[in-house]
Amino acid sequence: MAALMLGLIAMTGCDTDNNEHQRLVAEADLVNAGGPLVLAAMNTGSPSDANDNFVPIEFVNVVFSARPLNDTMVIPQGSPYSTFNVTSYDMIWRPGPGAPAALTDYNVTRSNLTVTVPVDDEAVAAILVGNVSMKTEPWFPGNPFTADLEIIFYGHESGSEHEVALHAGINVQFVATISDQ
């Protein structure tokens, strides 16, 4: 019997994708208010003022929520296991048709992030997606293209070291210019 139990434990390993088996279940509910993100090489500002052009830096807001595993479980705020702590994230680019393969050079692995999500509540974090160095690439201001961005957040409930992964994603449209008007 002990050998069977040891074998089962060895087979389960240290999985990060069993969020629905925790006392506190966390979710990355809403990325960029549910809409696509537009990344532009230049914001031309107002058509009447050529001096207000600038290179935009785009962030996406992510709304996290946390809830007890089921309706019969009560987790009082401030008690053990009552918060979910997001500690890092990955960003994985999946270029669409006509998108440069070099876009994957901007994949991010385990970037630090600190977000605390209380039970039965929400918390918001902003993630940098369109940085200036990406916009200096020779392929960026070319023809418009789209790509999917997978974001994987990592964290654990307070009082536990067991890491879980929260998956989210967004469609990103790359364009040469946008305007405030």
C-alpha atoms as a PDB file:
ATOM      1  CA  MET A   1       0.000   0.000   0.000  1.00  0.00           C
ATOM      2  CA  ALA A   2       2.853   2.393   0.834  1.00  0.00           C
ATOM      3  CA  ALA A   3       4.506   1.683  -2.524  1.00  0.00           C
ATOM      4  CA  LEU A   4       1.221   2.426  -4.307  1.00  0.00           C
ATOM      5  CA  MET A   5       0.844   5.750  -2.479  1.00  0.00           C
ATOM      6  CA  LEU A   6       4.476   6.667  -3.218  1.00  0.00           C
ATOM      7  CA  GLY A   7       3.932   5.863  -6.891  1.00  0.00           C
ATOM      8  CA  LEU A   8       0.815   8.054  -7.048  1.00  0.00           C
ATOM      9  CA  ILE A   9       2.633  10.941  -5.407  1.00  0.00           C
ATOM     10  CA  ALA A  10       5.575  10.605  -7.805  1.00  0.00           C
ATOM     11  CA  MET A  11       3.234  10.585 -10.815  1.00  0.00           C
ATOM     12  CA  THR A  12       1.431  13.766  -9.750  1.00  0.00           C
ATOM     13  CA  GLY A  13       4.662  15.768  -9.351  1.00  0.00           C
ATOM     14  CA  CYS A  14       4.602  19.552  -8.911  1.00  0.00           C
ATOM     15  CA  ASP A  15       1.918  20.655 -11.351  1.00  0.00           C
ATOM     16  CA  THR A  16       1.125  24.359 -11.698  1.00  0.00           C
ATOM     17  CA  ASP A  17      -2.204  23.893 -13.485  1.00  0.00           C
ATOM     18  CA  ASN A  18      -4.520  22.565 -10.791  1.00  0.00           C
ATOM     19  CA  ASN A  19      -6.007  25.873  -9.652  1.00  0.00           C
ATOM     20  CA  GLU A  20      -9.502  24.352  -9.291  1.00  0.00           C
ATOM     21  CA  HIS A  21      -8.199  22.020  -6.550  1.00  0.00           C
ATOM     22  CA  GLN A  22      -7.096  24.822  -4.214  1.00  0.00           C
ATOM     23  CA  ARG A  23      -9.134  26.198  -1.330  1.00  0.00           C
ATOM     24  CA  LEU A  24      -8.922  29.579  -3.035  1.00  0.00           C
ATOM     25  CA  VAL A  25      -9.479  29.639  -6.789  1.00  0.00           C
ATOM     26  CA  ALA A  26      -8.009  32.599  -8.659  1.00  0.00           C
ATOM     27  CA  GLU A  27      -8.752  33.750 -12.200  1.00  0.00           C
ATOM     28  CA  ALA A  28      -7.371  36.292 -14.639  1.00  0.00           C
ATOM     29  CA  ASP A  29     -10.862  37.422 -15.617  1.00  0.00           C
ATOM     30  CA  LEU A  30     -10.567  40.338 -17.955  1.00  0.00           C
ATOM     31  CA  VAL A  31      -7.645  41.383 -20.131  1.00  0.00           C
ATOM     32  CA  ASN A  32      -7.866  44.838 -21.739  1.00  0.00           C
ATOM     33  CA  ALA A  33     -11.581  45.066 -20.890  1.00  0.00           C
ATOM     34  CA  GLY A  34     -12.203  42.113 -23.204  1.00  0.00           C
ATOM     35  CA  GLY A  35     -11.117  43.924 -26.382  1.00  0.00           C
ATOM     36  CA  PRO A  36      -8.105  43.612 -28.667  1.00  0.00           C
ATOM     37  CA  LEU A  37      -5.051  45.775 -28.124  1.00  0.00           C
ATOM     38  CA  VAL A  38      -3.665  48.092 -30.801  1.00  0.00           C
ATOM     39  CA  LEU A  39       0.106  48.641 -30.799  1.00  0.00           C
ATOM     40  CA  ALA A  40       1.242  51.599 -32.882  1.00  0.00           C
ATOM     41  CA  ALA A  41       4.717  52.785 -33.850  1.00  0.00           C
ATOM     42  CA  MET A  42       3.555  56.416 -33.651  1.00  0.00           C
ATOM     43  CA  ASN A  43       0.625  58.356 -32.225  1.00  0.00           C
ATOM     44  CA  THR A  44       0.120  61.353 -34.502  1.00  0.00           C
ATOM     45  CA  GLY A  45      -1.927  63.172 -31.871  1.00  0.00           C
ATOM     46  CA  SER A  46      -4.061  65.953 -33.256  1.00  0.00           C
ATOM     47  CA  PRO A  47      -4.099  66.410 -37.048  1.00  0.00           C
ATOM     48  CA  SER A  48      -3.769  70.172 -36.565  1.00  0.00           C
ATOM     49  CA  ASP A  49      -0.557  69.969 -34.475  1.00  0.00           C
ATOM     50  CA  ALA A  50       2.493  68.168 -35.895  1.00  0.00           C
ATOM     51  CA  ASN A  51       4.407  68.795 -32.657  1.00  0.00           C
ATOM     52  CA  ASP A  52       2.282  66.452 -30.560  1.00  0.00           C
ATOM     53  CA  ASN A  53       3.447  63.200 -32.191  1.00  0.00           C
ATOM     54  CA  PHE A  54       4.845  60.580 -29.804  1.00  0.00           C
ATOM     55  CA  VAL A  55       5.729  56.901 -29.518  1.00  0.00           C
ATOM     56  CA  PRO A  56       3.041  55.278 -27.360  1.00  0.00           C
ATOM     57  CA  ILE A  57       3.819  52.646 -24.748  1.00  0.00           C
ATOM     58  CA  GLU A  58       0.954  50.182 -24.410  1.00  0.00           C
ATOM     59  CA  PHE A  59      -0.105  48.346 -21.280  1.00  0.00           C
ATOM     60  CA  VAL A  60      -2.983  45.936 -20.774  1.00  0.00           C
ATOM     61  CA  ASN A  61      -4.989  45.894 -17.597  1.00  0.00           C
ATOM     62  CA  VAL A  62      -5.773  42.494 -16.144  1.00  0.00           C
ATOM     63  CA  VAL A  63      -8.538  42.007 -13.587  1.00  0.00           C
ATOM     64  CA  PHE A  64      -7.872  39.149 -11.167  1.00  0.00           C
ATOM     65  CA  SER A  65     -10.499  37.635  -8.904  1.00  0.00           C
ATOM     66  CA  ALA A  66     -10.423  35.048  -6.131  1.00  0.00           C
ATOM     67  CA  ARG A  67     -13.204  32.894  -4.732  1.00  0.00           C
ATOM     68  CA  PRO A  68     -13.551  29.850  -2.466  1.00  0.00           C
ATOM     69  CA  LEU A  69     -13.438  26.480  -4.194  1.00  0.00           C
ATOM     70  CA  ASN A  70     -17.182  25.936  -3.748  1.00  0.00           C
ATOM     71  CA  ASP A  71     -20.323  27.508  -2.303  1.00  0.00           C
ATOM     72  CA  THR A  72     -20.113  25.593   0.978  1.00  0.00           C
ATOM     73  CA  MET A  73     -16.608  26.818   1.782  1.00  0.00           C
ATOM     74  CA  VAL A  74     -16.227  30.017   3.797  1.00  0.00           C
ATOM     75  CA  ILE A  75     -12.848  31.742   3.872  1.00  0.00           C
ATOM     76  CA  PRO A  76     -12.936  34.863   6.070  1.00  0.00           C
ATOM     77  CA  GLN A  77     -10.839  37.764   4.806  1.00  0.00           C
ATOM     78  CA  GLY A  78      -7.602  38.102   6.738  1.00  0.00           C
ATOM     79  CA  SER A  79      -7.495  34.409   7.597  1.00  0.00           C
ATOM     80  CA  PRO A  80      -4.997  31.851   6.280  1.00  0.00           C
ATOM     81  CA  TYR A  81      -5.532  31.065   2.584  1.00  0.00           C
ATOM     82  CA  SER A  82      -7.662  34.195   2.139  1.00  0.00           C
ATOM     83  CA  THR A  83      -5.585  35.884  -0.563  1.00  0.00           C
ATOM     84  CA  PHE A  84      -4.076  34.813  -3.843  1.00  0.00           C
ATOM     85  CA  ASN A  85      -0.598  36.217  -4.508  1.00  0.00           C
ATOM     86  CA  VAL A  86       0.399  36.658  -8.157  1.00  0.00           C
ATOM     87  CA  THR A  87       4.201  36.570  -8.282  1.00  0.00           C
ATOM     88  CA  SER A  88       5.248  36.435 -11.956  1.00  0.00           C
ATOM     89  CA  TYR A  89       4.095  36.066 -15.543  1.00  0.00           C
ATOM     90  CA  ASP A  90       5.098  34.840 -18.987  1.00  0.00           C
ATOM     91  CA  MET A  91       4.113  36.464 -22.308  1.00  0.00           C
ATOM     92  CA  ILE A  92       4.177  34.216 -25.357  1.00  0.00           C
ATOM     93  CA  TRP A  93       3.682  35.754 -28.798  1.00  0.00           C
ATOM     94  CA  ARG A  94       1.957  33.698 -31.490  1.00  0.00           C
ATOM     95  CA  PRO A  95       2.454  35.600 -34.777  1.00  0.00           C
ATOM     96  CA  GLY A  96      -0.493  35.600 -37.185  1.00  0.00           C
ATOM     97  CA  PRO A  97      -0.350  35.547 -41.000  1.00  0.00           C
ATOM     98  CA  GLY A  98       2.051  38.195 -42.295  1.00  0.00           C
ATOM     99  CA  ALA A  99       3.528  38.792 -38.842  1.00  0.00           C
ATOM    100  CA  PRO A 100       7.307  38.611 -38.449  1.00  0.00           C
ATOM    101  CA  ALA A 101       8.684  35.504 -36.758  1.00  0.00           C
ATOM    102  CA  ALA A 102      11.047  37.856 -34.874  1.00  0.00           C
ATOM    103  CA  LEU A 103       8.078  38.928 -32.752  1.00  0.00           C
ATOM    104  CA  THR A 104       8.797  35.892 -30.573  1.00  0.00           C
ATOM    105  CA  ASP A 105      12.079  37.572 -29.572  1.00  0.00           C
ATOM    106  CA  TYR A 106       9.830  39.632 -27.281  1.00  0.00           C
ATOM    107  CA  ASN A 107       8.517  36.630 -25.362  1.00  0.00           C
ATOM    108  CA  VAL A 108       8.878  37.158 -21.619  1.00  0.00           C
ATOM    109  CA  THR A 109       9.642  34.422 -19.096  1.00  0.00           C
ATOM    110  CA  ARG A 110       8.951  34.798 -15.394  1.00  0.00           C
ATOM    111  CA  SER A 111       8.825  38.557 -15.183  1.00  0.00           C
ATOM    112  CA  ASN A 112       8.187  39.678 -11.605  1.00  0.00           C
ATOM    113  CA  LEU A 113       4.728  40.877 -10.641  1.00  0.00           C
ATOM    114  CA  THR A 114       3.228  41.490  -7.229  1.00  0.00           C
ATOM    115  CA  VAL A 115      -0.559  41.450  -6.967  1.00  0.00           C
ATOM    116  CA  THR A 116      -2.574  40.417  -3.922  1.00  0.00           C
ATOM    117  CA  VAL A 117      -6.143  39.306  -4.610  1.00  0.00           C
ATOM    118  CA  PRO A 118      -8.395  39.026  -1.527  1.00  0.00           C
ATOM    119  CA  VAL A 119     -11.046  36.316  -1.361  1.00  0.00           C
ATOM    120  CA  ASP A 120     -14.381  37.387  -2.924  1.00  0.00           C
ATOM    121  CA  ASP A 121     -12.742  40.468  -4.396  1.00  0.00           C
ATOM    122  CA  GLU A 122     -10.790  41.725  -7.395  1.00  0.00           C
ATOM    123  CA  ALA A 123      -7.407  43.312  -8.039  1.00  0.00           C
ATOM    124  CA  VAL A 124      -6.069  44.996 -11.174  1.00  0.00           C
ATOM    125  CA  ALA A 125      -2.559  44.892 -12.625  1.00  0.00           C
ATOM    126  CA  ALA A 126      -1.078  46.573 -15.697  1.00  0.00           C
ATOM    127  CA  ILE A 127       1.292  44.572 -17.913  1.00  0.00           C
ATOM    128  CA  LEU A 128       3.656  46.268 -20.378  1.00  0.00           C
ATOM    129  CA  VAL A 129       3.071  44.861 -23.870  1.00  0.00           C
ATOM    130  CA  GLY A 130       4.209  47.513 -26.362  1.00  0.00           C
ATOM    131  CA  ASN A 131       7.629  48.694 -25.293  1.00  0.00           C
ATOM    132  CA  VAL A 132       9.808  51.208 -27.118  1.00  0.00           C
ATOM    133  CA  SER A 133      12.537  48.727 -28.082  1.00  0.00           C
ATOM    134  CA  MET A 134       9.987  46.629 -29.993  1.00  0.00           C
ATOM    135  CA  LYS A 135       8.989  49.732 -31.927  1.00  0.00           C
ATOM    136  CA  THR A 136      12.539  50.340 -33.127  1.00  0.00           C
ATOM    137  CA  GLU A 137      12.599  47.002 -34.962  1.00  0.00           C
ATOM    138  CA  PRO A 138      12.712  47.356 -38.763  1.00  0.00           C
ATOM    139  CA  TRP A 139       9.622  45.163 -39.125  1.00  0.00           C
ATOM    140  CA  PHE A 140       7.387  47.098 -36.730  1.00  0.00           C
ATOM    141  CA  PRO A 141       6.143  50.110 -38.719  1.00  0.00           C
ATOM    142  CA  GLY A 142       5.741  48.023 -41.898  1.00  0.00           C
ATOM    143  CA  ASN A 143       2.488  46.431 -43.038  1.00  0.00           C
ATOM    144  CA  PRO A 144      -0.186  45.977 -40.363  1.00  0.00           C
ATOM    145  CA  PHE A 145      -0.413  42.495 -38.844  1.00  0.00           C
ATOM    146  CA  THR A 146      -1.992  40.682 -35.914  1.00  0.00           C
ATOM    147  CA  ALA A 147      -0.688  38.286 -33.301  1.00  0.00           C
ATOM    148  CA  ASP A 148      -2.118  36.465 -30.326  1.00  0.00           C
ATOM    149  CA  LEU A 149      -0.506  37.039 -26.963  1.00  0.00           C
ATOM    150  CA  GLU A 150      -0.790  34.332 -24.337  1.00  0.00           C
ATOM    151  CA  ILE A 151      -0.153  35.538 -20.795  1.00  0.00           C
ATOM    152  CA  ILE A 152       0.429  33.008 -18.026  1.00  0.00           C
ATOM    153  CA  PHE A 153       0.351  34.340 -14.482  1.00  0.00           C
ATOM    154  CA  TYR A 154       1.927  32.360 -11.649  1.00  0.00           C
ATOM    155  CA  GLY A 155       1.094  32.564  -7.975  1.00  0.00           C
ATOM    156  CA  HIS A 156      -0.119  30.810  -4.853  1.00  0.00           C
ATOM    157  CA  GLU A 157      -2.676  31.208  -2.127  1.00  0.00           C
ATOM    158  CA  SER A 158      -1.452  32.751   1.117  1.00  0.00           C
ATOM    159  CA  GLY A 159      -0.304  30.083   3.537  1.00  0.00           C
ATOM    160  CA  SER A 160       0.730  27.746   0.718  1.00  0.00           C
ATOM    161  CA  GLU A 161       3.803  27.389  -1.459  1.00  0.00           C
ATOM    162  CA  HIS A 162       1.935  25.393  -4.145  1.00  0.00           C
ATOM    163  CA  GLU A 163       2.217  27.403  -7.352  1.00  0.00           C
ATOM    164  CA  VAL A 164      -0.623  27.514  -9.863  1.00  0.00           C
ATOM    165  CA  ALA A 165      -0.833  29.002 -13.349  1.00  0.00           C
ATOM    166  CA  LEU A 166      -3.590  31.329 -14.571  1.00  0.00           C
ATOM    167  CA  HIS A 167      -3.950  31.510 -18.353  1.00  0.00           C
ATOM    168  CA  ALA A 168      -5.181  34.563 -20.237  1.00  0.00           C
ATOM    169  CA  GLY A 169      -4.815  35.922 -23.728  1.00  0.00           C
ATOM    170  CA  ILE A 170      -5.458  38.803 -26.056  1.00  0.00           C
ATOM    171  CA  ASN A 171      -5.412  39.562 -29.765  1.00  0.00           C
ATOM    172  CA  VAL A 172      -2.950  42.339 -30.674  1.00  0.00           C
ATOM    173  CA  GLN A 173      -3.096  44.466 -33.794  1.00  0.00           C
ATOM    174  CA  PHE A 174       0.137  46.114 -34.954  1.00  0.00           C
ATOM    175  CA  VAL A 175      -0.184  49.331 -36.980  1.00  0.00           C
ATOM    176  CA  ALA A 176       2.171  52.106 -38.085  1.00  0.00           C
ATOM    177  CA  THR A 177       0.162  55.057 -36.725  1.00  0.00           C
ATOM    178  CA  ILE A 178      -2.874  55.915 -34.643  1.00  0.00           C
ATOM    179  CA  SER A 179      -4.411  59.275 -33.852  1.00  0.00           C
ATOM    180  CA  ASP A 180      -6.119  60.788 -30.836  1.00  0.00           C
ATOM    181  CA  GLN A 181      -8.733  62.340 -33.110  1.00  0.00           C
END
